Amino acid sequence: MTSKTSPTPNPPAAQTAAAGGPHEPAVVVKGTWATAKQSFRDLFRWQQRVVITNSQGETYEEWQNPPPLKNPFKLFALLTAKQWLYFFVGFYAWTADAFDFHALSIQTTKLAKYYGRSKTDITTAITLTLLLRSVGAAIFGLLGDRFGRKWPMIGNMIILGLLQIATIYSTTFQQFLAVRSLFGLFMGGVYGNAVAMALENCPTDARGLMSGIMQQGYSFGYVLAACANLGVGGATETWKTVFWIAAGLSIGAGLIRLCFPESKQFLEAKKSGHKITAGDFWGETKSMLAREWRMCLYCVVLMTWFNYYSHTSQDSYTTFMITAKELDSAAGTRASIWMKVGACVGGTVVGYLSQFVGRRRAIVVASLVSCCMIPGWILPEGERSLSASGFFMQFFVQGAWGVIPIHLNELSPPAYRSSFPGITYQLGNMISSPSAQIVNAIAESHFVTSSKGNRVEAYGPVMGVATVIIALGIAVTTALGPEKLGRHFEEAGPAGANVSDAHAHLQEKTADAVSLAESKQGQHSSANEVEHKV
């Protein structure tokens, strides 16, 4: 298949000097298959393909040597106090969101006893939550891009807290499922707005590190939920106490967000008197979808793999240790906490390294190493061994995940950094929604012999085989996919503003063209007049 190449704008001297001297332009091919082959070859070249924006707003790609690894504390120092505050609010909202979700998944056995249902029945609530998250992501992500990040996030977090309280008062299993479905709808809107708020103004050099930390709000939320579960004890009714804590965290996140102003882009648009109409917004959205549909499809496929990756390896892990490894509830919860501590460390470390080795290389290596870790993850016996193996397994699983927030932001159309990451992430969640149910259903219908000679449900083999397939899928998909390392999106206006700007620019060019034509016509008339007189 012959690949076509696109012209590369010549970088101005000032731009190349700022980048540390002239660099070799990187050829950009056209076509899906040609781009996939180019992406795969790029993995084996030490230099990185970097997106550059010149002073005229043109973007092009060039080859650059990987930047030297910087002291992480110096990277932290690049953020201003305001940027830190916005980052922490986004991180806290994502942590509270994760706590809300895991308050159910780590208490599956308690809820099964409370409602008199099987563990597989209880995981139906997880499936419904994940199914409806994509709807919430679309609604609240587009609201965030249209009206700003602030009020959609406030509404999300407060309603999530109220739905946690409604779960506590659900007296029947049908009420429980209905409330969790609504919970999924509102939960879906959190990720896109939280990540956009936390990362959109981060300095370029610090993005990898901050992305890794941001993503681990999910793991940190799990750790907090597991600690809460450990603290309340193993009695059946104690699940309600964990849900009360979750409600307080979510409502608190909404109230804290209330104290902060809107994002920089929307404030500047408002100050300039720029009015974005609904027609402008939807006009730009349609144009973006027509132009970027391949990127949208790729990111949905990638996030489907990633959501299977995390839910398959995590959601049933506590159940695996209690049921298959025959640990008591407290020991299983402690091992889960260590597993998620490994996730927090791994996400931060691999996210930091992605600034040096590139986003895709970091994901591919982390996912392949996690494949090699699987035997050591499911075969050990005892709390200590399982805690250690869980730590290192999740170090690499969430290490790959740690690159995702900034990778999705860099791949996003600049004006859609609230909706694009959130919708693609939650569509992946929707497609992978049955993951916990599938694992539980297969494990509960197959049995293995434990180290104590008992017949136990086959959670270990099921989770191990599924995770190998998923990790290999992530490695292949990422290796063939795009990367836009170094992309600048800080000055992009809100969705709809670019249509208005384009109209204004077109009108200005039209007026200039008309003026030039009139001038030429006047000169031509004068020349004819002179000629006639002569």
Protein backbone atom coordinates (compact mmCIF):
# COMPACT_ATOMS: atom_id res chain seq x y z
CA MET A 1 0.00 0.00 0.00
CA THR A 2 1.49 3.29 -1.07
CA SER A 3 1.57 5.93 1.62
CA LYS A 4 0.98 9.59 0.94
CA THR A 5 2.78 12.30 2.81
CA SER A 6 1.56 15.71 3.85
CA PRO A 7 3.59 18.86 3.47
CA THR A 8 5.43 19.99 6.56
CA PRO A 9 5.50 23.75 7.30
CA ASN A 10 8.99 25.15 7.68
CA PRO A 11 9.61 26.07 11.31
CA PRO A 12 10.71 29.67 11.81
CA ALA A 13 14.24 30.25 13.07
CA ALA A 14 12.99 31.46 16.44
CA GLN A 15 11.01 28.27 16.92
CA THR A 16 13.92 25.95 16.13
CA ALA A 17 16.22 27.98 18.33
CA ALA A 18 13.75 27.73 21.17
CA ALA A 19 13.66 23.98 20.68
CA GLY A 20 17.42 23.76 21.08
CA GLY A 21 18.54 24.10 17.47
CA PRO A 22 17.19 22.91 14.12
CA HIS A 23 15.66 19.43 14.06
CA GLU A 24 14.88 16.97 11.32
CA PRO A 25 11.29 17.38 10.04
CA ALA A 26 9.17 14.26 10.58
CA VAL A 27 7.19 13.11 7.55
CA VAL A 28 3.48 12.64 8.28
CA VAL A 29 1.76 9.99 6.17
CA LYS A 30 -1.92 9.86 5.23
CA GLY A 31 -4.17 6.84 5.46
CA THR A 32 -5.11 4.54 8.35
CA TRP A 33 -2.88 1.58 7.48
CA ALA A 34 0.06 3.78 6.47
CA THR A 35 -0.21 5.69 9.75
CA ALA A 36 -0.33 2.43 11.75
CA LYS A 37 2.85 1.17 10.05
CA GLN A 38 4.56 4.50 10.63
CA SER A 39 3.55 4.45 14.33
CA PHE A 40 4.94 0.94 14.78
CA ARG A 41 8.28 1.91 13.17
CA ASP A 42 8.48 5.01 15.37
CA LEU A 43 8.61 2.80 18.48
CA PHE A 44 12.04 1.52 17.42
CA ARG A 45 13.55 4.94 16.75
CA TRP A 46 15.21 6.55 19.73
CA GLN A 47 14.26 10.06 18.68
CA GLN A 48 10.68 11.10 19.37
CA ARG A 49 8.15 12.55 16.96
CA VAL A 50 7.11 15.84 18.62
CA VAL A 51 4.25 18.16 17.65
CA ILE A 52 5.42 21.78 17.26
CA THR A 53 3.23 24.89 16.92
CA ASN A 54 4.87 27.92 15.32
CA SER A 55 4.09 31.60 15.87
CA GLN A 56 1.52 31.58 13.04
CA GLY A 57 -0.46 28.80 14.76
CA GLU A 58 0.64 26.14 12.24
CA THR A 59 1.48 22.70 13.59
CA TYR A 60 4.04 20.28 12.22
CA GLU A 61 6.06 17.35 13.52
CA GLU A 62 9.80 16.96 13.91
CA TRP A 63 12.27 14.49 15.39
CA GLN A 64 13.79 15.44 18.72
CA ASN A 65 16.06 13.61 21.12
CA PRO A 66 14.26 12.57 24.32
CA PRO A 67 14.47 15.35 26.92
CA PRO A 68 16.73 14.59 29.87
CA LEU A 69 14.98 13.21 32.92
CA LYS A 70 14.38 16.12 35.24
CA ASN A 71 14.29 16.09 39.00
CA PRO A 72 10.60 15.56 39.85
CA PHE A 73 10.79 18.21 42.56
CA LYS A 74 11.93 20.72 39.93
CA LEU A 75 8.96 19.69 37.82
CA PHE A 76 6.67 20.26 40.79
CA ALA A 77 8.19 23.73 41.15
CA LEU A 78 7.11 24.61 37.58
CA LEU A 79 3.47 24.71 38.71
CA THR A 80 2.20 27.96 40.17
CA ALA A 81 0.12 28.01 43.35
CA LYS A 82 -3.05 28.46 41.28
CA GLN A 83 -2.17 25.50 39.05
CA TRP A 84 -1.56 23.36 42.15
CA LEU A 85 -4.94 24.31 43.58
CA TYR A 86 -6.73 23.42 40.35
CA PHE A 87 -4.81 20.15 40.17
CA PHE A 88 -5.72 19.15 43.72
CA VAL A 89 -9.41 19.95 43.21
CA GLY A 90 -9.46 17.79 40.05
CA PHE A 91 -7.55 15.03 41.84
CA TYR A 92 -9.88 15.15 44.85
CA ALA A 93 -13.01 14.94 42.64
CA TRP A 94 -11.57 11.90 40.80
CA THR A 95 -10.60 10.28 44.13
CA ALA A 96 -14.10 10.80 45.55
CA ASP A 97 -15.57 9.38 42.35
CA ALA A 98 -13.37 6.26 42.67
CA PHE A 99 -14.26 5.87 46.36
CA ASP A 100 -17.96 5.94 45.40
CA PHE A 101 -17.47 3.20 42.82
CA HIS A 102 -15.25 0.92 44.90
CA ALA A 103 -17.46 1.24 47.97
CA LEU A 104 -19.59 -1.35 46.17
CA SER A 105 -16.96 -3.54 44.47
CA ILE A 106 -14.94 -4.22 47.66
CA GLN A 107 -18.10 -5.09 49.62
CA THR A 108 -19.60 -7.56 47.13
CA THR A 109 -19.73 -10.39 49.69
CA LYS A 110 -21.45 -8.17 52.31
CA LEU A 111 -24.06 -6.94 49.82
CA ALA A 112 -24.68 -10.49 48.59
CA LYS A 113 -25.55 -11.52 52.16
CA TYR A 114 -27.61 -8.37 52.80
CA TYR A 115 -29.84 -8.82 49.73
CA GLY A 116 -29.74 -12.63 49.75
CA ARG A 117 -28.24 -12.78 46.25
CA SER A 118 -25.19 -14.35 44.61
CA LYS A 119 -22.00 -12.36 44.11
CA THR A 120 -22.64 -12.44 40.35
CA ASP A 121 -26.06 -10.83 40.91
CA ILE A 122 -24.46 -8.03 42.95
CA THR A 123 -21.95 -7.35 40.17
CA THR A 124 -24.95 -6.60 37.91
CA ALA A 125 -24.92 -3.22 39.68
CA ILE A 126 -21.32 -2.68 38.52
CA THR A 127 -22.34 -3.54 34.95
CA LEU A 128 -25.26 -1.06 35.02
CA THR A 129 -23.04 1.65 36.51
CA LEU A 130 -20.42 1.21 33.79
CA LEU A 131 -23.03 1.03 31.02
CA LEU A 132 -24.56 4.40 31.87
CA ARG A 133 -21.30 6.23 32.57
CA SER A 134 -20.84 6.88 28.83
CA VAL A 135 -24.20 8.70 28.69
CA GLY A 136 -23.17 10.91 31.61
CA ALA A 137 -19.78 11.53 30.03
CA ALA A 138 -21.41 12.75 26.82
CA ILE A 139 -23.93 15.00 28.60
CA PHE A 140 -21.63 16.57 31.17
CA GLY A 141 -18.54 16.59 28.94
CA LEU A 142 -20.34 18.59 26.25
CA LEU A 143 -21.80 20.88 28.94
CA GLY A 144 -18.26 21.38 30.24
CA ASP A 145 -16.99 22.32 26.77
CA ARG A 146 -19.99 24.55 26.07
CA PHE A 147 -20.56 26.32 29.41
CA GLY A 148 -17.36 25.71 31.40
CA ARG A 149 -15.95 23.11 33.79
CA LYS A 150 -17.28 24.52 37.03
CA TRP A 151 -21.04 23.99 37.29
CA PRO A 152 -21.23 20.58 35.58
CA MET A 153 -18.65 19.27 38.07
CA ILE A 154 -20.45 20.79 41.06
CA GLY A 155 -23.75 19.23 39.98
CA ASN A 156 -22.07 15.88 39.33
CA MET A 157 -20.41 15.58 42.71
CA ILE A 158 -23.37 16.70 44.85
CA ILE A 159 -25.83 14.41 43.06
CA LEU A 160 -23.38 11.50 43.36
CA GLY A 161 -23.30 12.01 47.13
CA LEU A 162 -27.10 12.05 47.30
CA LEU A 163 -27.28 8.84 45.25
CA GLN A 164 -24.89 7.14 47.67
CA ILE A 165 -27.34 8.02 50.44
CA ALA A 166 -30.22 6.70 48.31
CA THR A 167 -28.32 3.40 47.94
CA ILE A 168 -28.21 3.04 51.73
CA TYR A 169 -32.01 3.35 51.91
CA SER A 170 -32.68 0.89 49.06
CA THR A 171 -34.68 -1.85 50.79
CA THR A 172 -35.06 -4.20 47.79
CA PHE A 173 -32.57 -5.49 45.26
CA GLN A 174 -34.56 -3.86 42.42
CA GLN A 175 -34.35 -0.46 44.14
CA PHE A 176 -30.63 -1.04 44.65
CA LEU A 177 -30.10 -1.68 40.90
CA ALA A 178 -32.19 1.34 39.91
CA VAL A 179 -30.21 3.70 42.14
CA ARG A 180 -26.88 2.32 40.93
CA SER A 181 -27.99 2.88 37.33
CA LEU A 182 -28.66 6.55 38.09
CA PHE A 183 -25.36 6.67 39.95
CA GLY A 184 -23.55 5.52 36.79
CA LEU A 185 -25.20 8.26 34.73
CA PHE A 186 -23.84 11.03 36.98
CA MET A 187 -20.54 9.29 37.70
CA GLY A 188 -19.71 9.36 33.97
CA GLY A 189 -19.44 13.14 33.88
CA VAL A 190 -16.69 13.44 36.49
CA TYR A 191 -13.58 12.12 34.70
CA GLY A 192 -13.46 14.47 31.70
CA ASN A 193 -14.06 17.66 33.67
CA ALA A 194 -11.76 16.62 36.53
CA VAL A 195 -8.86 15.71 34.22
CA ALA A 196 -9.32 18.84 32.11
CA MET A 197 -9.35 21.01 35.22
CA ALA A 198 -6.26 19.33 36.68
CA LEU A 199 -4.06 19.10 33.57
CA GLU A 200 -5.07 21.67 30.97
CA ASN A 201 -2.79 24.40 32.35
CA CYS A 202 0.10 22.22 33.53
CA PRO A 203 3.52 23.18 32.10
CA THR A 204 4.46 20.90 29.19
CA ASP A 205 7.52 19.38 30.89
CA ALA A 206 5.51 18.42 33.99
CA ARG A 207 2.57 16.83 32.17
CA GLY A 208 3.79 13.22 32.29
CA LEU A 209 4.44 13.30 36.03
CA MET A 210 1.21 15.12 36.86
CA SER A 211 -0.78 12.81 34.58
CA GLY A 212 0.55 9.78 36.46
CA ILE A 213 -0.41 11.32 39.80
CA MET A 214 -3.82 12.42 38.52
CA GLN A 215 -4.79 8.98 37.24
CA GLN A 216 -3.91 7.45 40.59
CA GLY A 217 -6.78 9.33 42.16
CA TYR A 218 -8.68 6.22 41.05
CA SER A 219 -6.32 3.92 42.96
CA PHE A 220 -6.16 6.27 45.94
CA GLY A 221 -9.95 6.22 46.09
CA TYR A 222 -9.79 2.42 46.20
CA VAL A 223 -7.23 2.54 49.04
CA LEU A 224 -9.44 4.89 51.05
CA ALA A 225 -12.51 2.72 50.42
CA ALA A 226 -10.58 -0.42 51.44
CA CYS A 227 -9.33 1.31 54.61
CA ALA A 228 -12.90 2.35 55.42
CA ASN A 229 -14.08 -1.22 54.86
CA LEU A 230 -11.30 -2.53 57.08
CA GLY A 231 -12.15 0.01 59.76
CA VAL A 232 -15.87 -0.80 59.95
CA GLY A 233 -15.31 -4.56 60.25
CA GLY A 234 -16.79 -7.54 58.45
CA ALA A 235 -20.39 -7.48 59.74
CA THR A 236 -22.97 -7.42 56.95
CA GLU A 237 -24.67 -4.13 57.90
CA THR A 238 -21.36 -2.22 57.99
CA TRP A 239 -21.47 -1.68 54.22
CA LYS A 240 -23.80 1.27 54.88
CA THR A 241 -21.15 3.10 56.92
CA VAL A 242 -18.72 3.00 53.97
CA PHE A 243 -21.44 4.46 51.74
CA TRP A 244 -22.06 7.31 54.23
CA ILE A 245 -18.34 8.17 54.06
CA ALA A 246 -18.49 8.09 50.25
CA ALA A 247 -21.47 10.46 50.25
CA GLY A 248 -19.61 12.95 52.43
CA LEU A 249 -16.53 12.90 50.17
CA SER A 250 -18.56 13.51 47.00
CA ILE A 251 -20.67 16.34 48.39
CA GLY A 252 -17.49 17.85 49.88
CA ALA A 253 -15.82 17.80 46.44
CA GLY A 254 -18.76 19.69 44.94
CA LEU A 255 -18.70 22.33 47.67
CA ILE A 256 -14.93 22.81 47.34
CA ARG A 257 -15.25 23.26 43.55
CA LEU A 258 -17.85 25.95 44.28
CA CYS A 259 -15.08 28.08 45.82
CA PHE A 260 -12.95 28.20 42.64
CA PRO A 261 -13.49 30.28 39.49
CA GLU A 262 -14.06 29.00 35.98
CA SER A 263 -11.17 27.78 33.82
CA LYS A 264 -8.78 30.28 32.26
CA GLN A 265 -10.04 29.75 28.70
CA PHE A 266 -13.66 30.51 29.57
CA LEU A 267 -12.78 33.52 31.71
CA GLU A 268 -10.71 35.02 28.88
CA ALA A 269 -13.48 34.36 26.36
CA LYS A 270 -15.94 36.09 28.67
CA LYS A 271 -13.65 39.11 29.22
CA SER A 272 -13.16 39.56 25.50
CA GLY A 273 -16.92 39.73 25.03
CA HIS A 274 -16.79 36.69 22.77
CA LYS A 275 -20.29 35.23 22.48
CA ILE A 276 -20.56 31.57 21.49
CA THR A 277 -23.94 30.63 20.04
CA ALA A 278 -25.42 27.14 20.09
CA GLY A 279 -25.06 27.11 16.31
CA ASP A 280 -21.34 27.86 16.59
CA PHE A 281 -20.88 25.10 19.16
CA TRP A 282 -22.70 22.39 17.21
CA GLY A 283 -21.18 23.58 13.93
CA GLU A 284 -17.67 23.13 15.30
CA THR A 285 -18.63 19.81 16.91
CA LYS A 286 -19.88 18.40 13.59
CA SER A 287 -16.78 19.66 11.82
CA MET A 288 -14.56 18.06 14.48
CA LEU A 289 -16.34 14.68 14.22
CA ALA A 290 -16.08 14.69 10.42
CA ARG A 291 -12.37 15.47 10.67
CA GLU A 292 -11.42 13.36 13.70
CA TRP A 293 -13.71 10.30 13.51
CA ARG A 294 -10.76 7.91 13.11
CA MET A 295 -9.12 9.34 16.22
CA CYS A 296 -12.41 9.04 18.13
CA LEU A 297 -12.80 5.39 17.10
CA TYR A 298 -9.18 4.57 17.96
CA CYS A 299 -9.45 6.11 21.44
CA VAL A 300 -12.69 4.22 22.16
CA VAL A 301 -11.00 0.92 21.21
CA LEU A 302 -7.95 1.78 23.33
CA MET A 303 -10.07 2.73 26.34
CA THR A 304 -12.14 -0.45 25.96
CA TRP A 305 -8.95 -2.50 26.33
CA PHE A 306 -7.82 -0.35 29.28
CA ASN A 307 -11.10 -0.60 31.15
CA TYR A 308 -11.16 -4.37 30.74
CA TYR A 309 -7.54 -4.28 32.00
CA SER A 310 -8.36 -2.54 35.27
CA HIS A 311 -11.77 -4.05 36.02
CA THR A 312 -10.69 -7.63 35.25
CA SER A 313 -7.57 -7.41 37.38
CA GLN A 314 -9.06 -5.41 40.28
CA ASP A 315 -12.82 -5.60 40.81
CA SER A 316 -12.88 -9.27 41.87
CA TYR A 317 -9.46 -9.33 43.54
CA THR A 318 -10.74 -9.07 47.11
CA THR A 319 -13.31 -11.78 46.34
CA PHE A 320 -10.48 -13.89 44.85
CA MET A 321 -8.44 -13.67 48.05
CA ILE A 322 -11.38 -14.41 50.34
CA THR A 323 -12.93 -17.17 48.21
CA ALA A 324 -10.06 -18.84 46.36
CA LYS A 325 -7.15 -18.10 48.72
CA GLU A 326 -9.33 -18.62 51.83
CA LEU A 327 -8.18 -15.47 53.63
CA ASP A 328 -10.48 -13.77 56.13
CA SER A 329 -12.11 -10.45 55.24
CA ALA A 330 -9.54 -8.30 57.09
CA ALA A 331 -6.54 -10.07 55.49
CA GLY A 332 -8.10 -9.81 52.03
CA THR A 333 -8.75 -6.11 52.50
CA ARG A 334 -5.18 -5.47 53.72
CA ALA A 335 -3.77 -7.26 50.67
CA SER A 336 -6.06 -5.14 48.45
CA ILE A 337 -4.71 -1.99 50.06
CA TRP A 338 -1.13 -3.01 49.26
CA MET A 339 -2.22 -3.84 45.71
CA LYS A 340 -3.52 -0.31 45.25
CA VAL A 341 -0.50 1.28 46.91
CA GLY A 342 1.52 -0.43 44.15
CA ALA A 343 -0.89 1.08 41.63
CA CYS A 344 -0.36 4.60 43.02
CA VAL A 345 3.43 4.23 42.91
CA GLY A 346 3.47 2.62 39.46
CA GLY A 347 1.16 5.17 37.87
CA THR A 348 3.27 8.05 39.13
CA VAL A 349 6.62 6.48 38.12
CA VAL A 350 5.59 5.33 34.63
CA GLY A 351 3.71 8.57 33.96
CA TYR A 352 6.88 10.48 34.88
CA LEU A 353 9.04 8.28 32.63
CA SER A 354 6.62 8.74 29.69
CA GLN A 355 7.90 12.30 29.34
CA PHE A 356 11.32 10.79 28.56
CA VAL A 357 10.56 7.57 26.63
CA GLY A 358 7.29 8.69 25.03
CA ARG A 359 3.67 7.91 25.88
CA ARG A 360 3.28 4.81 23.72
CA ARG A 361 6.58 3.17 24.67
CA ALA A 362 5.72 3.56 28.34
CA ILE A 363 2.29 1.92 27.85
CA VAL A 364 3.59 -0.94 25.69
CA VAL A 365 6.44 -1.85 28.06
CA ALA A 366 4.27 -1.64 31.20
CA SER A 367 1.52 -3.83 29.70
CA LEU A 368 4.01 -6.47 28.49
CA VAL A 369 5.75 -6.60 31.88
CA SER A 370 2.36 -7.09 33.56
CA CYS A 371 1.87 -10.20 31.37
CA CYS A 372 5.09 -11.65 32.76
CA MET A 373 3.93 -10.89 36.31
CA ILE A 374 0.70 -12.91 36.12
CA PRO A 375 1.97 -16.32 37.38
CA GLY A 376 3.52 -14.61 40.39
CA TRP A 377 0.27 -12.72 40.90
CA ILE A 378 -2.21 -15.62 41.17
CA LEU A 379 -0.10 -18.57 42.42
CA PRO A 380 1.25 -17.40 45.84
CA GLU A 381 -0.43 -18.34 49.11
CA GLY A 382 -0.79 -16.30 52.28
CA GLU A 383 -1.44 -12.65 52.97
CA ARG A 384 2.17 -11.44 52.74
CA SER A 385 2.93 -13.14 49.41
CA LEU A 386 -0.36 -12.03 47.89
CA SER A 387 0.21 -8.46 49.11
CA ALA A 388 3.66 -8.36 47.47
CA SER A 389 2.55 -9.93 44.19
CA GLY A 390 -0.53 -7.67 44.05
CA PHE A 391 1.69 -4.61 44.65
CA PHE A 392 4.00 -5.36 41.71
CA MET A 393 1.22 -6.48 39.37
CA GLN A 394 -0.73 -3.28 39.87
CA PHE A 395 2.49 -1.24 39.68
CA PHE A 396 2.57 -2.10 35.97
CA VAL A 397 -1.18 -2.24 35.31
CA GLN A 398 -1.70 1.24 36.73
CA GLY A 399 1.71 2.26 35.40
CA ALA A 400 0.26 1.90 31.90
CA TRP A 401 -2.90 3.68 33.08
CA GLY A 402 -0.86 6.57 34.50
CA VAL A 403 0.01 7.74 30.98
CA ILE A 404 -3.63 7.78 29.83
CA PRO A 405 -4.89 11.18 31.14
CA ILE A 406 -2.22 13.22 29.35
CA HIS A 407 -2.12 10.87 26.34
CA LEU A 408 -5.88 11.37 25.82
CA ASN A 409 -5.56 15.14 26.37
CA GLU A 410 -2.79 15.34 23.76
CA LEU A 411 -4.82 13.26 21.28
CA SER A 412 -7.99 15.31 21.91
CA PRO A 413 -9.13 18.08 19.57
CA PRO A 414 -7.94 21.09 21.62
CA ALA A 415 -11.40 22.63 22.13
CA TYR A 416 -12.87 19.32 23.37
CA ARG A 417 -10.57 18.38 26.22
CA SER A 418 -13.53 18.07 28.60
CA SER A 419 -15.81 15.91 26.44
CA PHE A 420 -13.34 13.92 24.30
CA PRO A 421 -11.34 12.17 27.09
CA GLY A 422 -14.48 11.66 29.16
CA ILE A 423 -16.63 10.25 26.36
CA THR A 424 -13.95 7.93 24.94
CA TYR A 425 -13.03 6.76 28.45
CA GLN A 426 -16.65 6.07 29.41
CA LEU A 427 -17.55 4.44 26.08
CA GLY A 428 -14.68 2.06 26.79
CA ASN A 429 -16.22 1.57 30.24
CA MET A 430 -19.60 0.84 28.67
CA ILE A 431 -18.23 -1.82 26.32
CA SER A 432 -16.21 -3.40 29.14
CA SER A 433 -19.07 -3.12 31.65
CA PRO A 434 -19.73 -6.89 31.90
CA SER A 435 -16.09 -7.61 32.87
CA ALA A 436 -16.74 -8.20 36.58
CA GLN A 437 -19.85 -10.25 35.81
CA ILE A 438 -17.98 -12.37 33.26
CA VAL A 439 -15.14 -13.07 35.70
CA ASN A 440 -17.54 -13.94 38.52
CA ALA A 441 -19.81 -16.09 36.34
CA ILE A 442 -16.96 -18.17 34.87
CA ALA A 443 -15.13 -18.47 38.20
CA GLU A 444 -18.27 -19.55 40.09
CA SER A 445 -18.96 -22.29 37.51
CA HIS A 446 -15.41 -23.73 37.52
CA PHE A 447 -13.45 -25.05 40.45
CA VAL A 448 -9.82 -25.70 41.39
CA THR A 449 -8.21 -27.32 44.41
CA SER A 450 -6.76 -24.87 46.95
CA SER A 451 -3.50 -25.37 48.86
CA LYS A 452 -5.59 -26.65 51.76
CA GLY A 453 -7.17 -29.35 49.58
CA ASN A 454 -10.58 -27.66 49.30
CA ARG A 455 -12.55 -27.20 46.08
CA VAL A 456 -12.74 -23.44 45.50
CA GLU A 457 -14.04 -21.18 42.75
CA ALA A 458 -11.48 -20.63 39.96
CA TYR A 459 -10.96 -16.87 40.29
CA GLY A 460 -7.17 -17.09 39.86
CA PRO A 461 -7.03 -18.89 36.47
CA VAL A 462 -9.94 -16.88 35.07
CA MET A 463 -8.45 -13.51 36.02
CA GLY A 464 -4.97 -14.58 34.87
CA VAL A 465 -5.99 -15.76 31.38
CA ALA A 466 -8.27 -12.76 30.81
CA THR A 467 -5.58 -10.27 31.88
CA VAL A 468 -2.96 -11.81 29.53
CA ILE A 469 -5.29 -11.43 26.54
CA ILE A 470 -6.19 -7.86 27.49
CA ALA A 471 -2.59 -6.74 28.15
CA LEU A 472 -1.47 -8.07 24.76
CA GLY A 473 -4.40 -6.26 23.13
CA ILE A 474 -3.29 -3.00 24.76
CA ALA A 475 0.31 -3.46 23.61
CA VAL A 476 -0.69 -4.10 19.97
CA THR A 477 -3.31 -1.32 19.82
CA THR A 478 -0.95 1.24 21.35
CA ALA A 479 1.97 0.20 19.13
CA LEU A 480 -0.13 0.86 16.01
CA GLY A 481 -1.74 4.06 17.31
CA PRO A 482 -0.91 7.78 17.17
CA GLU A 483 0.98 9.94 19.64
CA LYS A 484 1.09 13.74 19.91
CA LEU A 485 3.82 14.24 22.48
CA GLY A 486 4.47 17.90 23.28
CA ARG A 487 1.23 19.17 21.77
CA HIS A 488 0.31 22.67 22.94
CA PHE A 489 -3.36 23.22 23.72
CA GLU A 490 -3.17 25.88 26.44
CA GLU A 491 -4.38 28.75 24.28
CA ALA A 492 -7.22 26.90 22.54
CA GLY A 493 -10.55 28.64 23.01
CA PRO A 494 -13.75 26.91 24.08
CA ALA A 495 -15.73 24.81 21.61
CA GLY A 496 -17.63 27.07 19.23
CA ALA A 497 -15.20 29.96 19.55
CA ASN A 498 -13.11 28.61 16.71
CA VAL A 499 -16.08 28.63 14.33
CA SER A 500 -16.74 32.28 15.19
CA ASP A 501 -13.04 33.07 14.85
CA ALA A 502 -12.98 31.29 11.50
CA HIS A 503 -16.00 33.30 10.31
CA ALA A 504 -14.41 36.54 11.46
CA HIS A 505 -11.13 35.59 9.77
CA LEU A 506 -12.99 34.68 6.58
CA GLN A 507 -14.91 37.99 6.61
CA GLU A 508 -11.66 39.87 7.17
CA LYS A 509 -10.00 38.06 4.26
CA THR A 510 -13.06 38.67 2.08
CA ALA A 511 -13.03 42.39 2.93
CA ASP A 512 -9.31 42.56 2.12
CA ALA A 513 -9.89 40.77 -1.17
CA VAL A 514 -12.75 43.12 -2.09
CA SER A 515 -10.65 46.16 -1.15
CA LEU A 516 -7.74 44.85 -3.24
CA ALA A 517 -10.04 44.15 -6.20
CA GLU A 518 -11.54 47.66 -5.97
CA SER A 519 -8.05 49.16 -5.79
CA LYS A 520 -6.94 47.21 -8.85
CA GLN A 521 -10.13 48.16 -10.66
CA GLY A 522 -9.51 51.82 -9.83
CA GLN A 523 -5.94 51.59 -11.11
CA HIS A 524 -7.15 49.89 -14.27
CA SER A 525 -9.78 52.63 -14.85
CA SER A 526 -7.17 55.34 -14.35
CA ALA A 527 -4.85 53.66 -16.83
CA ASN A 528 -7.66 53.42 -19.41
CA GLU A 529 -8.48 57.09 -18.87
CA VAL A 530 -4.88 58.13 -19.45
CA GLU A 531 -4.68 55.93 -22.53
CA HIS A 532 -7.91 57.42 -23.90
CA LYS A 533 -6.60 60.96 -23.40
CA VAL A 534 -3.32 60.12 -25.09
